Structure formats: structure tokens, C-alpha cells
Amino acid sequence: VHAGIRPGIPIKRQRKDDLLWIRGEFINS
């Protein structure tokens, strides 16, 4: 994925904005 995923959420339910833009919540998890 480009940017990452929001922890705790199944991949199929990830928000597009998170897949493209997420940083800290994913990087630090």
C-alpha cells in the first residue's frame, strides 16, 4: 500500500484517505 493502514481495521474496510496519507498512527504502531 502507498502510505499504510489504520491499525485495528481490516484491510477491506480501510479508508482511502488512510491508505494514501496516513503517517504517525501507522508508523508508530
mmCIF file of all heavy atoms, coordinates in Angstrom:
data_MODEL
# 
_entry.id   MODEL 
# 
loop_
_atom_site.group_PDB 
_atom_site.id 
_atom_site.type_symbol 
_atom_site.label_atom_id 
_atom_site.label_alt_id 
_atom_site.label_comp_id 
_atom_site.label_asym_id 
_atom_site.label_entity_id 
_atom_site.label_seq_id 
_atom_site.pdbx_PDB_ins_code 
_atom_site.Cartn_x 
_atom_site.Cartn_y 
_atom_site.Cartn_z 
_atom_site.occupancy 
_atom_site.B_iso_or_equiv 
_atom_site.pdbx_formal_charge 
_atom_site.auth_seq_id 
_atom_site.auth_comp_id 
_atom_site.auth_asym_id 
_atom_site.auth_atom_id 
_atom_site.pdbx_PDB_model_num 
ATOM 1   N N   . VAL A 1 1  ? 0.856   -1.177 0.000  1.00 0.00 ? 1  VAL A N   1 
ATOM 2   C CA  . VAL A 1 1  ? 0.000   0.000  0.000  1.00 0.00 ? 1  VAL A CA  1 
ATOM 3   C C   . VAL A 1 1  ? 0.892   1.227  0.000  1.00 0.00 ? 1  VAL A C   1 
ATOM 4   O O   . VAL A 1 1  ? 2.054   1.160  0.415  1.00 0.00 ? 1  VAL A O   1 
ATOM 5   C CB  . VAL A 1 1  ? -0.932  -0.018 1.233  1.00 0.00 ? 1  VAL A CB  1 
ATOM 6   C CG1 . VAL A 1 1  ? -0.151  0.042  2.528  1.00 0.00 ? 1  VAL A CG1 1 
ATOM 7   C CG2 . VAL A 1 1  ? -1.961  1.091  1.171  1.00 0.00 ? 1  VAL A CG2 1 
ATOM 8   N N   . HIS A 1 2  ? 0.379   2.347  -0.475 1.00 0.00 ? 2  HIS A N   1 
ATOM 9   C CA  . HIS A 1 2  ? 1.241   3.518  -0.572 1.00 0.00 ? 2  HIS A CA  1 
ATOM 10  C C   . HIS A 1 2  ? 1.693   4.040  0.783  1.00 0.00 ? 2  HIS A C   1 
ATOM 11  O O   . HIS A 1 2  ? 2.895   4.124  1.062  1.00 0.00 ? 2  HIS A O   1 
ATOM 12  C CB  . HIS A 1 2  ? 0.570   4.656  -1.340 1.00 0.00 ? 2  HIS A CB  1 
ATOM 13  C CG  . HIS A 1 2  ? 1.414   5.897  -1.358 1.00 0.00 ? 2  HIS A CG  1 
ATOM 14  N ND1 . HIS A 1 2  ? 2.638   5.943  -1.995 1.00 0.00 ? 2  HIS A ND1 1 
ATOM 15  C CD2 . HIS A 1 2  ? 1.249   7.111  -0.780 1.00 0.00 ? 2  HIS A CD2 1 
ATOM 16  C CE1 . HIS A 1 2  ? 3.181   7.134  -1.816 1.00 0.00 ? 2  HIS A CE1 1 
ATOM 17  N NE2 . HIS A 1 2  ? 2.357   7.855  -1.073 1.00 0.00 ? 2  HIS A NE2 1 
ATOM 18  N N   . ALA A 1 3  ? 0.744   4.414  1.648  1.00 0.00 ? 3  ALA A N   1 
ATOM 19  C CA  . ALA A 1 3  ? 1.110   5.086  2.899  1.00 0.00 ? 3  ALA A CA  1 
ATOM 20  C C   . ALA A 1 3  ? 1.091   4.165  4.100  1.00 0.00 ? 3  ALA A C   1 
ATOM 21  O O   . ALA A 1 3  ? 1.958   4.257  4.977  1.00 0.00 ? 3  ALA A O   1 
ATOM 22  C CB  . ALA A 1 3  ? 0.169   6.271  3.149  1.00 0.00 ? 3  ALA A CB  1 
ATOM 23  N N   . GLY A 1 4  ? 0.105   3.280  4.182  1.00 0.00 ? 4  GLY A N   1 
ATOM 24  C CA  . GLY A 1 4  ? -0.034  2.411  5.332  1.00 0.00 ? 4  GLY A CA  1 
ATOM 25  C C   . GLY A 1 4  ? -1.497  2.110  5.588  1.00 0.00 ? 4  GLY A C   1 
ATOM 26  O O   . GLY A 1 4  ? -2.360  2.375  4.747  1.00 0.00 ? 4  GLY A O   1 
ATOM 27  N N   . ILE A 1 5  ? -1.773  1.554  6.758  1.00 0.00 ? 5  ILE A N   1 
ATOM 28  C CA  . ILE A 1 5  ? -3.146  1.227  7.125  1.00 0.00 ? 5  ILE A CA  1 
ATOM 29  C C   . ILE A 1 5  ? -3.421  1.757  8.533  1.00 0.00 ? 5  ILE A C   1 
ATOM 30  O O   . ILE A 1 5  ? -2.494  2.003  9.302  1.00 0.00 ? 5  ILE A O   1 
ATOM 31  C CB  . ILE A 1 5  ? -3.408  -0.289 7.088  1.00 0.00 ? 5  ILE A CB  1 
ATOM 32  C CG1 . ILE A 1 5  ? -2.552  -1.026 8.125  1.00 0.00 ? 5  ILE A CG1 1 
ATOM 33  C CG2 . ILE A 1 5  ? -3.156  -0.846 5.690  1.00 0.00 ? 5  ILE A CG2 1 
ATOM 34  C CD1 . ILE A 1 5  ? -2.886  -2.501 8.266  1.00 0.00 ? 5  ILE A CD1 1 
ATOM 35  N N   . ARG A 1 6  ? -4.697  1.921  8.832  1.00 0.00 ? 6  ARG A N   1 
ATOM 36  C CA  . ARG A 1 6  ? -5.066  2.305  10.195 1.00 0.00 ? 6  ARG A CA  1 
ATOM 37  C C   . ARG A 1 6  ? -5.123  1.037  11.040 1.00 0.00 ? 6  ARG A C   1 
ATOM 38  O O   . ARG A 1 6  ? -5.895  0.120  10.746 1.00 0.00 ? 6  ARG A O   1 
ATOM 39  C CB  . ARG A 1 6  ? -6.404  3.044  10.215 1.00 0.00 ? 6  ARG A CB  1 
ATOM 40  C CG  . ARG A 1 6  ? -6.768  3.595  11.607 1.00 0.00 ? 6  ARG A CG  1 
ATOM 41  C CD  . ARG A 1 6  ? -7.832  4.644  11.538 1.00 0.00 ? 6  ARG A CD  1 
ATOM 42  N NE  . ARG A 1 6  ? -7.368  5.840  10.826 1.00 0.00 ? 6  ARG A NE  1 
ATOM 43  C CZ  . ARG A 1 6  ? -6.635  6.804  11.376 1.00 0.00 ? 6  ARG A CZ  1 
ATOM 44  N NH1 . ARG A 1 6  ? -6.273  6.704  12.655 1.00 0.00 ? 6  ARG A NH1 1 
ATOM 45  N NH2 . ARG A 1 6  ? -6.265  7.846  10.652 1.00 0.00 ? 6  ARG A NH2 1 
ATOM 46  N N   . PRO A 1 7  ? -4.302  0.969  12.088 1.00 0.00 ? 7  PRO A N   1 
ATOM 47  C CA  . PRO A 1 7  ? -4.254  -0.255 12.904 1.00 0.00 ? 7  PRO A CA  1 
ATOM 48  C C   . PRO A 1 7  ? -5.620  -0.628 13.459 1.00 0.00 ? 7  PRO A C   1 
ATOM 49  O O   . PRO A 1 7  ? -6.437  0.223  13.813 1.00 0.00 ? 7  PRO A O   1 
ATOM 50  C CB  . PRO A 1 7  ? -3.287  0.127  14.036 1.00 0.00 ? 7  PRO A CB  1 
ATOM 51  C CG  . PRO A 1 7  ? -2.419  1.197  13.452 1.00 0.00 ? 7  PRO A CG  1 
ATOM 52  C CD  . PRO A 1 7  ? -3.328  1.978  12.541 1.00 0.00 ? 7  PRO A CD  1 
ATOM 53  N N   . GLY A 1 8  ? -5.857  -1.946 13.512 1.00 0.00 ? 8  GLY A N   1 
ATOM 54  C CA  . GLY A 1 8  ? -7.077  -2.463 14.099 1.00 0.00 ? 8  GLY A CA  1 
ATOM 55  C C   . GLY A 1 8  ? -8.257  -2.547 13.161 1.00 0.00 ? 8  GLY A C   1 
ATOM 56  O O   . GLY A 1 8  ? -9.330  -3.016 13.567 1.00 0.00 ? 8  GLY A O   1 
ATOM 57  N N   . ILE A 1 9  ? -8.095  -2.112 11.914 1.00 0.00 ? 9  ILE A N   1 
ATOM 58  C CA  . ILE A 1 9  ? -9.190  -2.133 10.950 1.00 0.00 ? 9  ILE A CA  1 
ATOM 59  C C   . ILE A 1 9  ? -8.834  -3.103 9.817  1.00 0.00 ? 9  ILE A C   1 
ATOM 60  O O   . ILE A 1 9  ? -7.739  -3.010 9.251  1.00 0.00 ? 9  ILE A O   1 
ATOM 61  C CB  . ILE A 1 9  ? -9.451  -0.730 10.376 1.00 0.00 ? 9  ILE A CB  1 
ATOM 62  C CG1 . ILE A 1 9  ? -9.873  0.221  11.511 1.00 0.00 ? 9  ILE A CG1 1 
ATOM 63  C CG2 . ILE A 1 9  ? -10.516 -0.763 9.283  1.00 0.00 ? 9  ILE A CG2 1 
ATOM 64  C CD1 . ILE A 1 9  ? -10.094 1.644  11.066 1.00 0.00 ? 9  ILE A CD1 1 
ATOM 65  N N   . PRO A 1 10 ? -9.721  -4.040 9.474  1.00 0.00 ? 10 PRO A N   1 
ATOM 66  C CA  . PRO A 1 10 ? -9.437  -4.973 8.378  1.00 0.00 ? 10 PRO A CA  1 
ATOM 67  C C   . PRO A 1 10 ? -9.108  -4.225 7.089  1.00 0.00 ? 10 PRO A C   1 
ATOM 68  O O   . PRO A 1 10 ? -9.633  -3.134 6.837  1.00 0.00 ? 10 PRO A O   1 
ATOM 69  C CB  . PRO A 1 10 ? -10.742 -5.769 8.247  1.00 0.00 ? 10 PRO A CB  1 
ATOM 70  C CG  . PRO A 1 10 ? -11.385 -5.667 9.590  1.00 0.00 ? 10 PRO A CG  1 
ATOM 71  C CD  . PRO A 1 10 ? -11.037 -4.302 10.103 1.00 0.00 ? 10 PRO A CD  1 
ATOM 72  N N   . ILE A 1 11 ? -8.287  -4.821 6.279  1.00 0.00 ? 11 ILE A N   1 
ATOM 73  C CA  . ILE A 1 11 ? -7.815  -4.143 5.071  1.00 0.00 ? 11 ILE A CA  1 
ATOM 74  C C   . ILE A 1 11 ? -8.973  -3.756 4.154  1.00 0.00 ? 11 ILE A C   1 
ATOM 75  O O   . ILE A 1 11 ? -8.997  -2.653 3.593  1.00 0.00 ? 11 ILE A O   1 
ATOM 76  C CB  . ILE A 1 11 ? -6.799  -5.035 4.331  1.00 0.00 ? 11 ILE A CB  1 
ATOM 77  C CG1 . ILE A 1 11 ? -5.516  -5.135 5.161  1.00 0.00 ? 11 ILE A CG1 1 
ATOM 78  C CG2 . ILE A 1 11 ? -6.480  -4.474 2.940  1.00 0.00 ? 11 ILE A CG2 1 
ATOM 79  C CD1 . ILE A 1 11 ? -4.506  -6.109 4.640  1.00 0.00 ? 11 ILE A CD1 1 
ATOM 80  N N   . LYS A 1 12 ? -9.954  -4.624 4.024  1.00 0.00 ? 12 LYS A N   1 
ATOM 81  C CA  . LYS A 1 12 ? -11.074 -4.302 3.135  1.00 0.00 ? 12 LYS A CA  1 
ATOM 82  C C   . LYS A 1 12 ? -11.902 -3.125 3.635  1.00 0.00 ? 12 LYS A C   1 
ATOM 83  O O   . LYS A 1 12 ? -12.672 -2.543 2.866  1.00 0.00 ? 12 LYS A O   1 
ATOM 84  C CB  . LYS A 1 12 ? -11.971 -5.528 2.948  1.00 0.00 ? 12 LYS A CB  1 
ATOM 85  C CG  . LYS A 1 12 ? -11.392 -6.579 2.013  1.00 0.00 ? 12 LYS A CG  1 
ATOM 86  C CD  . LYS A 1 12 ? -12.421 -7.664 1.757  1.00 0.00 ? 12 LYS A CD  1 
ATOM 87  C CE  . LYS A 1 12 ? -11.905 -8.664 0.724  1.00 0.00 ? 12 LYS A CE  1 
ATOM 88  N NZ  . LYS A 1 12 ? -12.910 -9.728 0.428  1.00 0.00 ? 12 LYS A NZ  1 
ATOM 89  N N   . ARG A 1 13 ? -11.767 -2.778 4.900  1.00 0.00 ? 13 ARG A N   1 
ATOM 90  C CA  . ARG A 1 13 ? -12.558 -1.687 5.468  1.00 0.00 ? 13 ARG A CA  1 
ATOM 91  C C   . ARG A 1 13 ? -11.734 -0.410 5.661  1.00 0.00 ? 13 ARG A C   1 
ATOM 92  O O   . ARG A 1 13 ? -12.201 0.555  6.253  1.00 0.00 ? 13 ARG A O   1 
ATOM 93  C CB  . ARG A 1 13 ? -13.155 -2.123 6.808  1.00 0.00 ? 13 ARG A CB  1 
ATOM 94  C CG  . ARG A 1 13 ? -14.203 -3.218 6.676  1.00 0.00 ? 13 ARG A CG  1 
ATOM 95  C CD  . ARG A 1 13 ? -14.656 -3.707 8.042  1.00 0.00 ? 13 ARG A CD  1 
ATOM 96  N NE  . ARG A 1 13 ? -15.108 -2.591 8.888  1.00 0.00 ? 13 ARG A NE  1 
ATOM 97  C CZ  . ARG A 1 13 ? -15.248 -2.685 10.203 1.00 0.00 ? 13 ARG A CZ  1 
ATOM 98  N NH1 . ARG A 1 13 ? -14.955 -3.825 10.821 1.00 0.00 ? 13 ARG A NH1 1 
ATOM 99  N NH2 . ARG A 1 13 ? -15.664 -1.647 10.899 1.00 0.00 ? 13 ARG A NH2 1 
ATOM 100 N N   . GLN A 1 14 ? -10.503 -0.402 5.174  1.00 0.00 ? 14 GLN A N   1 
ATOM 101 C CA  . GLN A 1 14 ? -9.652  0.783  5.301  1.00 0.00 ? 14 GLN A CA  1 
ATOM 102 C C   . GLN A 1 14 ? -10.214 1.943  4.481  1.00 0.00 ? 14 GLN A C   1 
ATOM 103 O O   . GLN A 1 14 ? -10.739 1.759  3.379  1.00 0.00 ? 14 GLN A O   1 
ATOM 104 C CB  . GLN A 1 14 ? -8.231  0.465  4.822  1.00 0.00 ? 14 GLN A CB  1 
ATOM 105 C CG  . GLN A 1 14 ? -7.477  -0.510 5.699  1.00 0.00 ? 14 GLN A CG  1 
ATOM 106 C CD  . GLN A 1 14 ? -6.983  0.110  6.990  1.00 0.00 ? 14 GLN A CD  1 
ATOM 107 O OE1 . GLN A 1 14 ? -6.639  1.292  7.042  1.00 0.00 ? 14 GLN A OE1 1 
ATOM 108 N NE2 . GLN A 1 14 ? -6.939  -0.690 8.045  1.00 0.00 ? 14 GLN A NE2 1 
ATOM 109 N N   . ARG A 1 15 ? -10.072 3.146  5.009  1.00 0.00 ? 15 ARG A N   1 
ATOM 110 C CA  . ARG A 1 15 ? -10.476 4.351  4.279  1.00 0.00 ? 15 ARG A CA  1 
ATOM 111 C C   . ARG A 1 15 ? -9.413  4.704  3.242  1.00 0.00 ? 15 ARG A C   1 
ATOM 112 O O   . ARG A 1 15 ? -8.215  4.581  3.488  1.00 0.00 ? 15 ARG A O   1 
ATOM 113 C CB  . ARG A 1 15 ? -10.662 5.525  5.237  1.00 0.00 ? 15 ARG A CB  1 
ATOM 114 C CG  . ARG A 1 15 ? -11.780 5.345  6.241  1.00 0.00 ? 15 ARG A CG  1 
ATOM 115 C CD  . ARG A 1 15 ? -11.807 6.463  7.265  1.00 0.00 ? 15 ARG A CD  1 
ATOM 116 N NE  . ARG A 1 15 ? -12.028 7.772  6.644  1.00 0.00 ? 15 ARG A NE  1 
ATOM 117 C CZ  . ARG A 1 15 ? -11.140 8.753  6.609  1.00 0.00 ? 15 ARG A CZ  1 
ATOM 118 N NH1 . ARG A 1 15 ? -9.933  8.578  7.136  1.00 0.00 ? 15 ARG A NH1 1 
ATOM 119 N NH2 . ARG A 1 15 ? -11.435 9.905  6.055  1.00 0.00 ? 15 ARG A NH2 1 
ATOM 120 N N   . LYS A 1 16 ? -9.846  5.167  2.095  1.00 0.00 ? 16 LYS A N   1 
ATOM 121 C CA  . LYS A 1 16 ? -8.921  5.545  1.039  1.00 0.00 ? 16 LYS A CA  1 
ATOM 122 C C   . LYS A 1 16 ? -7.935  6.595  1.515  1.00 0.00 ? 16 LYS A C   1 
ATOM 123 O O   . LYS A 1 16 ? -6.733  6.520  1.219  1.00 0.00 ? 16 LYS A O   1 
ATOM 124 C CB  . LYS A 1 16 ? -9.701  6.068  -0.173 1.00 0.00 ? 16 LYS A CB  1 
ATOM 125 C CG  . LYS A 1 16 ? -8.836  6.444  -1.360 1.00 0.00 ? 16 LYS A CG  1 
ATOM 126 C CD  . LYS A 1 16 ? -9.698  6.897  -2.535 1.00 0.00 ? 16 LYS A CD  1 
ATOM 127 C CE  . LYS A 1 16 ? -8.850  7.243  -3.745 1.00 0.00 ? 16 LYS A CE  1 
ATOM 128 N NZ  . LYS A 1 16 ? -9.668  7.676  -4.905 1.00 0.00 ? 16 LYS A NZ  1 
ATOM 129 N N   . ASP A 1 17 ? -8.406  7.592  2.262  1.00 0.00 ? 17 ASP A N   1 
ATOM 130 C CA  . ASP A 1 17 ? -7.514  8.646  2.744  1.00 0.00 ? 17 ASP A CA  1 
ATOM 131 C C   . ASP A 1 17 ? -6.392  8.083  3.603  1.00 0.00 ? 17 ASP A C   1 
ATOM 132 O O   . ASP A 1 17 ? -5.250  8.556  3.535  1.00 0.00 ? 17 ASP A O   1 
ATOM 133 C CB  . ASP A 1 17 ? -8.297  9.692  3.547  1.00 0.00 ? 17 ASP A CB  1 
ATOM 134 C CG  . ASP A 1 17 ? -9.041  10.671 2.660  1.00 0.00 ? 17 ASP A CG  1 
ATOM 135 O OD1 . ASP A 1 17 ? -8.862  10.613 1.422  1.00 0.00 ? 17 ASP A OD1 1 
ATOM 136 O OD2 . ASP A 1 17 ? -9.803  11.490 3.195  1.00 0.00 ? 17 ASP A OD2 1 
ATOM 137 N N   . ASP A 1 18 ? -6.692  7.077  4.420  1.00 0.00 ? 18 ASP A N   1 
ATOM 138 C CA  . ASP A 1 18 ? -5.641  6.475  5.241  1.00 0.00 ? 18 ASP A CA  1 
ATOM 139 C C   . ASP A 1 18 ? -4.641  5.710  4.384  1.00 0.00 ? 18 ASP A C   1 
ATOM 140 O O   . ASP A 1 18 ? -3.426  5.798  4.591  1.00 0.00 ? 18 ASP A O   1 
ATOM 141 C CB  . ASP A 1 18 ? -6.250  5.542  6.291  1.00 0.00 ? 18 ASP A CB  1 
ATOM 142 C CG  . ASP A 1 18 ? -6.887  6.294  7.446  1.00 0.00 ? 18 ASP A CG  1 
ATOM 143 O OD1 . ASP A 1 18 ? -6.461  7.435  7.713  1.00 0.00 ? 18 ASP A OD1 1 
ATOM 144 O OD2 . ASP A 1 18 ? -7.815  5.752  8.071  1.00 0.00 ? 18 ASP A OD2 1 
ATOM 145 N N   . LEU A 1 19 ? -5.129  4.947  3.427  1.00 0.00 ? 19 LEU A N   1 
ATOM 146 C CA  . LEU A 1 19 ? -4.230  4.179  2.565  1.00 0.00 ? 19 LEU A CA  1 
ATOM 147 C C   . LEU A 1 19 ? -3.259  5.079  1.807  1.00 0.00 ? 19 LEU A C   1 
ATOM 148 O O   . LEU A 1 19 ? -2.139  4.676  1.496  1.00 0.00 ? 19 LEU A O   1 
ATOM 149 C CB  . LEU A 1 19 ? -5.051  3.350  1.572  1.00 0.00 ? 19 LEU A CB  1 
ATOM 150 C CG  . LEU A 1 19 ? -5.955  2.273  2.180  1.00 0.00 ? 19 LEU A CG  1 
ATOM 151 C CD1 . LEU A 1 19 ? -6.820  1.640  1.093  1.00 0.00 ? 19 LEU A CD1 1 
ATOM 152 C CD2 . LEU A 1 19 ? -5.140  1.207  2.890  1.00 0.00 ? 19 LEU A CD2 1 
ATOM 153 N N   . LEU A 1 20 ? -3.688  6.311  1.525  1.00 0.00 ? 20 LEU A N   1 
ATOM 154 C CA  . LEU A 1 20 ? -2.871  7.235  0.736  1.00 0.00 ? 20 LEU A CA  1 
ATOM 155 C C   . LEU A 1 20 ? -2.083  8.232  1.573  1.00 0.00 ? 20 LEU A C   1 
ATOM 156 O O   . LEU A 1 20 ? -1.045  8.731  1.115  1.00 0.00 ? 20 LEU A O   1 
ATOM 157 C CB  . LEU A 1 20 ? -3.766  8.017  -0.240 1.00 0.00 ? 20 LEU A CB  1 
ATOM 158 C CG  . LEU A 1 20 ? -4.521  7.211  -1.290 1.00 0.00 ? 20 LEU A CG  1 
ATOM 159 C CD1 . LEU A 1 20 ? -5.339  8.143  -2.174 1.00 0.00 ? 20 LEU A CD1 1 
ATOM 160 C CD2 . LEU A 1 20 ? -3.569  6.383  -2.130 1.00 0.00 ? 20 LEU A CD2 1 
ATOM 161 N N   . TRP A 1 21 ? -2.543  8.535  2.804  1.00 0.00 ? 21 TRP A N   1 
ATOM 162 C CA  . TRP A 1 21 ? -1.977  9.667  3.536  1.00 0.00 ? 21 TRP A CA  1 
ATOM 163 C C   . TRP A 1 21 ? -1.487  9.365  4.950  1.00 0.00 ? 21 TRP A C   1 
ATOM 164 O O   . TRP A 1 21 ? -0.740  10.169 5.517  1.00 0.00 ? 21 TRP A O   1 
ATOM 165 C CB  . TRP A 1 21 ? -3.030  10.785 3.643  1.00 0.00 ? 21 TRP A CB  1 
ATOM 166 C CG  . TRP A 1 21 ? -3.380  11.435 2.358  1.00 0.00 ? 21 TRP A CG  1 
ATOM 167 C CD1 . TRP A 1 21 ? -4.383  11.080 1.499  1.00 0.00 ? 21 TRP A CD1 1 
ATOM 168 C CD2 . TRP A 1 21 ? -2.745  12.572 1.754  1.00 0.00 ? 21 TRP A CD2 1 
ATOM 169 N NE1 . TRP A 1 21 ? -4.414  11.916 0.414  1.00 0.00 ? 21 TRP A NE1 1 
ATOM 170 C CE2 . TRP A 1 21 ? -3.420  12.844 0.544  1.00 0.00 ? 21 TRP A CE2 1 
ATOM 171 C CE3 . TRP A 1 21 ? -1.669  13.402 2.131  1.00 0.00 ? 21 TRP A CE3 1 
ATOM 172 C CZ2 . TRP A 1 21 ? -3.057  13.893 -0.295 1.00 0.00 ? 21 TRP A CZ2 1 
ATOM 173 C CZ3 . TRP A 1 21 ? -1.317  14.452 1.295  1.00 0.00 ? 21 TRP A CZ3 1 
ATOM 174 C CH2 . TRP A 1 21 ? -1.999  14.681 0.101  1.00 0.00 ? 21 TRP A CH2 1 
ATOM 175 N N   . ILE A 1 22 ? -1.892  8.263  5.546  1.00 0.00 ? 22 ILE A N   1 
ATOM 176 C CA  . ILE A 1 22 ? -1.613  8.048  6.965  1.00 0.00 ? 22 ILE A CA  1 
ATOM 177 C C   . ILE A 1 22 ? -0.109  8.043  7.249  1.00 0.00 ? 22 ILE A C   1 
ATOM 178 O O   . ILE A 1 22 ? 0.691   7.612  6.417  1.00 0.00 ? 22 ILE A O   1 
ATOM 179 C CB  . ILE A 1 22 ? -2.248  6.722  7.456  1.00 0.00 ? 22 ILE A CB  1 
ATOM 180 C CG1 . ILE A 1 22 ? -2.336  6.693  8.972  1.00 0.00 ? 22 ILE A CG1 1 
ATOM 181 C CG2 . ILE A 1 22 ? -1.493  5.502  6.918  1.00 0.00 ? 22 ILE A CG2 1 
ATOM 182 C CD1 . ILE A 1 22 ? -3.196  5.570  9.525  1.00 0.00 ? 22 ILE A CD1 1 
ATOM 183 N N   . ARG A 1 23 ? 0.255   8.550  8.417  1.00 0.00 ? 23 ARG A N   1 
ATOM 184 C CA  . ARG A 1 23 ? 1.665   8.509  8.844  1.00 0.00 ? 23 ARG A CA  1 
ATOM 185 C C   . ARG A 1 23 ? 1.761   8.024  10.292 1.00 0.00 ? 23 ARG A C   1 
ATOM 186 O O   . ARG A 1 23 ? 1.932   6.855  10.549 1.00 0.00 ? 23 ARG A O   1 
ATOM 187 C CB  . ARG A 1 23 ? 2.321   9.884  8.695  1.00 0.00 ? 23 ARG A CB  1 
ATOM 188 C CG  . ARG A 1 23 ? 2.541   10.332 7.256  1.00 0.00 ? 23 ARG A CG  1 
ATOM 189 C CD  . ARG A 1 23 ? 3.501   11.524 7.206  1.00 0.00 ? 23 ARG A CD  1 
ATOM 190 N NE  . ARG A 1 23 ? 3.473   12.201 5.933  1.00 0.00 ? 23 ARG A NE  1 
ATOM 191 C CZ  . ARG A 1 23 ? 4.187   11.844 4.867  1.00 0.00 ? 23 ARG A CZ  1 
ATOM 192 N NH1 . ARG A 1 23 ? 4.982   10.810 4.945  1.00 0.00 ? 23 ARG A NH1 1 
ATOM 193 N NH2 . ARG A 1 23 ? 4.102   12.536 3.743  1.00 0.00 ? 23 ARG A NH2 1 
ATOM 194 N N   . GLY A 1 24 ? 1.678   8.950  11.247 1.00 0.00 ? 24 GLY A N   1 
ATOM 195 C CA  . GLY A 1 24 ? 2.028   8.659  12.626 1.00 0.00 ? 24 GLY A CA  1 
ATOM 196 C C   . GLY A 1 24 ? 1.321   7.477  13.247 1.00 0.00 ? 24 GLY A C   1 
ATOM 197 O O   . GLY A 1 24 ? 1.952   6.614  13.874 1.00 0.00 ? 24 GLY A O   1 
ATOM 198 N N   . GLU A 1 25 ? -0.009  7.413  13.108 1.00 0.00 ? 25 GLU A N   1 
ATOM 199 C CA  . GLU A 1 25 ? -0.748  6.328  13.746 1.00 0.00 ? 25 GLU A CA  1 
ATOM 200 C C   . GLU A 1 25 ? -0.287  4.961  13.248 1.00 0.00 ? 25 GLU A C   1 
ATOM 201 O O   . GLU A 1 25 ? -0.271  3.980  13.999 1.00 0.00 ? 25 GLU A O   1 
ATOM 202 C CB  . GLU A 1 25 ? -2.254  6.476  13.491 1.00 0.00 ? 25 GLU A CB  1 
ATOM 203 C CG  . GLU A 1 25 ? -2.854  7.768  14.016 1.00 0.00 ? 25 GLU A CG  1 
ATOM 204 C CD  . GLU A 1 25 ? -2.922  8.847  12.957 1.00 0.00 ? 25 GLU A CD  1 
ATOM 205 O OE1 . GLU A 1 25 ? -2.008  8.912  12.103 1.00 0.00 ? 25 GLU A OE1 1 
ATOM 206 O OE2 . GLU A 1 25 ? -3.903  9.617  12.983 1.00 0.00 ? 25 GLU A OE2 1 
ATOM 207 N N   . PHE A 1 26 ? 0.093   4.904  11.993 1.00 0.00 ? 26 PHE A N   1 
ATOM 208 C CA  . PHE A 1 26 ? 0.585   3.653  11.410 1.00 0.00 ? 26 PHE A CA  1 
ATOM 209 C C   . PHE A 1 26 ? 2.064   3.447  11.707 1.00 0.00 ? 26 PHE A C   1 
ATOM 210 O O   . PHE A 1 26 ? 2.468   2.375  12.180 1.00 0.00 ? 26 PHE A O   1 
ATOM 211 C CB  . PHE A 1 26 ? 0.342   3.667  9.902  1.00 0.00 ? 26 PHE A CB  1 
ATOM 212 C CG  . PHE A 1 26 ? 1.065   2.586  9.145  1.00 0.00 ? 26 PHE A CG  1 
ATOM 213 C CD1 . PHE A 1 26 ? 0.723   1.260  9.307  1.00 0.00 ? 26 PHE A CD1 1 
ATOM 214 C CD2 . PHE A 1 26 ? 2.095   2.907  8.262  1.00 0.00 ? 26 PHE A CD2 1 
ATOM 215 C CE1 . PHE A 1 26 ? 1.393   0.256  8.610  1.00 0.00 ? 26 PHE A CE1 1 
ATOM 216 C CE2 . PHE A 1 26 ? 2.762   1.911  7.564  1.00 0.00 ? 26 PHE A CE2 1 
ATOM 217 C CZ  . PHE A 1 26 ? 2.410   0.589  7.739  1.00 0.00 ? 26 PHE A CZ  1 
ATOM 218 N N   . ILE A 1 27 ? 2.873   4.455  11.455 1.00 0.00 ? 27 ILE A N   1 
ATOM 219 C CA  . ILE A 1 27 ? 4.323   4.333  11.621 1.00 0.00 ? 27 ILE A CA  1 
ATOM 220 C C   . ILE A 1 27 ? 4.688   3.974  13.055 1.00 0.00 ? 27 ILE A C   1 
ATOM 221 O O   . ILE A 1 27 ? 5.602   3.187  13.309 1.00 0.00 ? 27 ILE A O   1 
ATOM 222 C CB  . ILE A 1 27 ? 5.025   5.647  11.207 1.00 0.00 ? 27 ILE A CB  1 
ATOM 223 C CG1 . ILE A 1 27 ? 4.800   5.935  9.720  1.00 0.00 ? 27 ILE A CG1 1 
ATOM 224 C CG2 . ILE A 1 27 ? 6.520   5.583  11.513 1.00 0.00 ? 27 ILE A CG2 1 
ATOM 225 C CD1 . ILE A 1 27 ? 5.363   4.892  8.791  1.00 0.00 ? 27 ILE A CD1 1 
ATOM 226 N N   . ASN A 1 28 ? 3.986   4.561  14.012 1.00 0.00 ? 28 ASN A N   1 
ATOM 227 C CA  . ASN A 1 28 ? 4.325   4.357  15.427 1.00 0.00 ? 28 ASN A CA  1 
ATOM 228 C C   . ASN A 1 28 ? 3.645   3.148  16.057 1.00 0.00 ? 28 ASN A C   1 
ATOM 229 O O   . ASN A 1 28 ? 3.897   2.840  17.231 1.00 0.00 ? 28 ASN A O   1 
ATOM 230 C CB  . ASN A 1 28 ? 3.957   5.609  16.228 1.00 0.00 ? 28 ASN A CB  1 
ATOM 231 C CG  . ASN A 1 28 ? 4.732   6.835  15.767 1.00 0.00 ? 28 ASN A CG  1 
ATOM 232 O OD1 . ASN A 1 28 ? 5.896   6.731  15.395 1.00 0.00 ? 28 ASN A OD1 1 
ATOM 233 N ND2 . ASN A 1 28 ? 4.086   7.993  15.783 1.00 0.00 ? 28 ASN A ND2 1 
ATOM 234 N N   . SER A 1 29 ? 2.806   2.462  15.309 1.00 0.00 ? 29 SER A N   1 
ATOM 235 C CA  . SER A 1 29 ? 2.060   1.339  15.867 1.00 0.00 ? 29 SER A CA  1 
ATOM 236 C C   . SER A 1 29 ? 2.954   0.122  16.065 1.00 0.00 ? 29 SER A C   1 
ATOM 237 O O   . SER A 1 29 ? 3.763   -0.218 15.203 1.00 0.00 ? 29 SER A O   1 
ATOM 238 C CB  . SER A 1 29 ? 0.892   0.967  14.942 1.00 0.00 ? 29 SER A CB  1 
ATOM 239 O OG  . SER A 1 29 ? 0.237   -0.193 15.412 1.00 0.00 ? 29 SER A OG  1 
# 
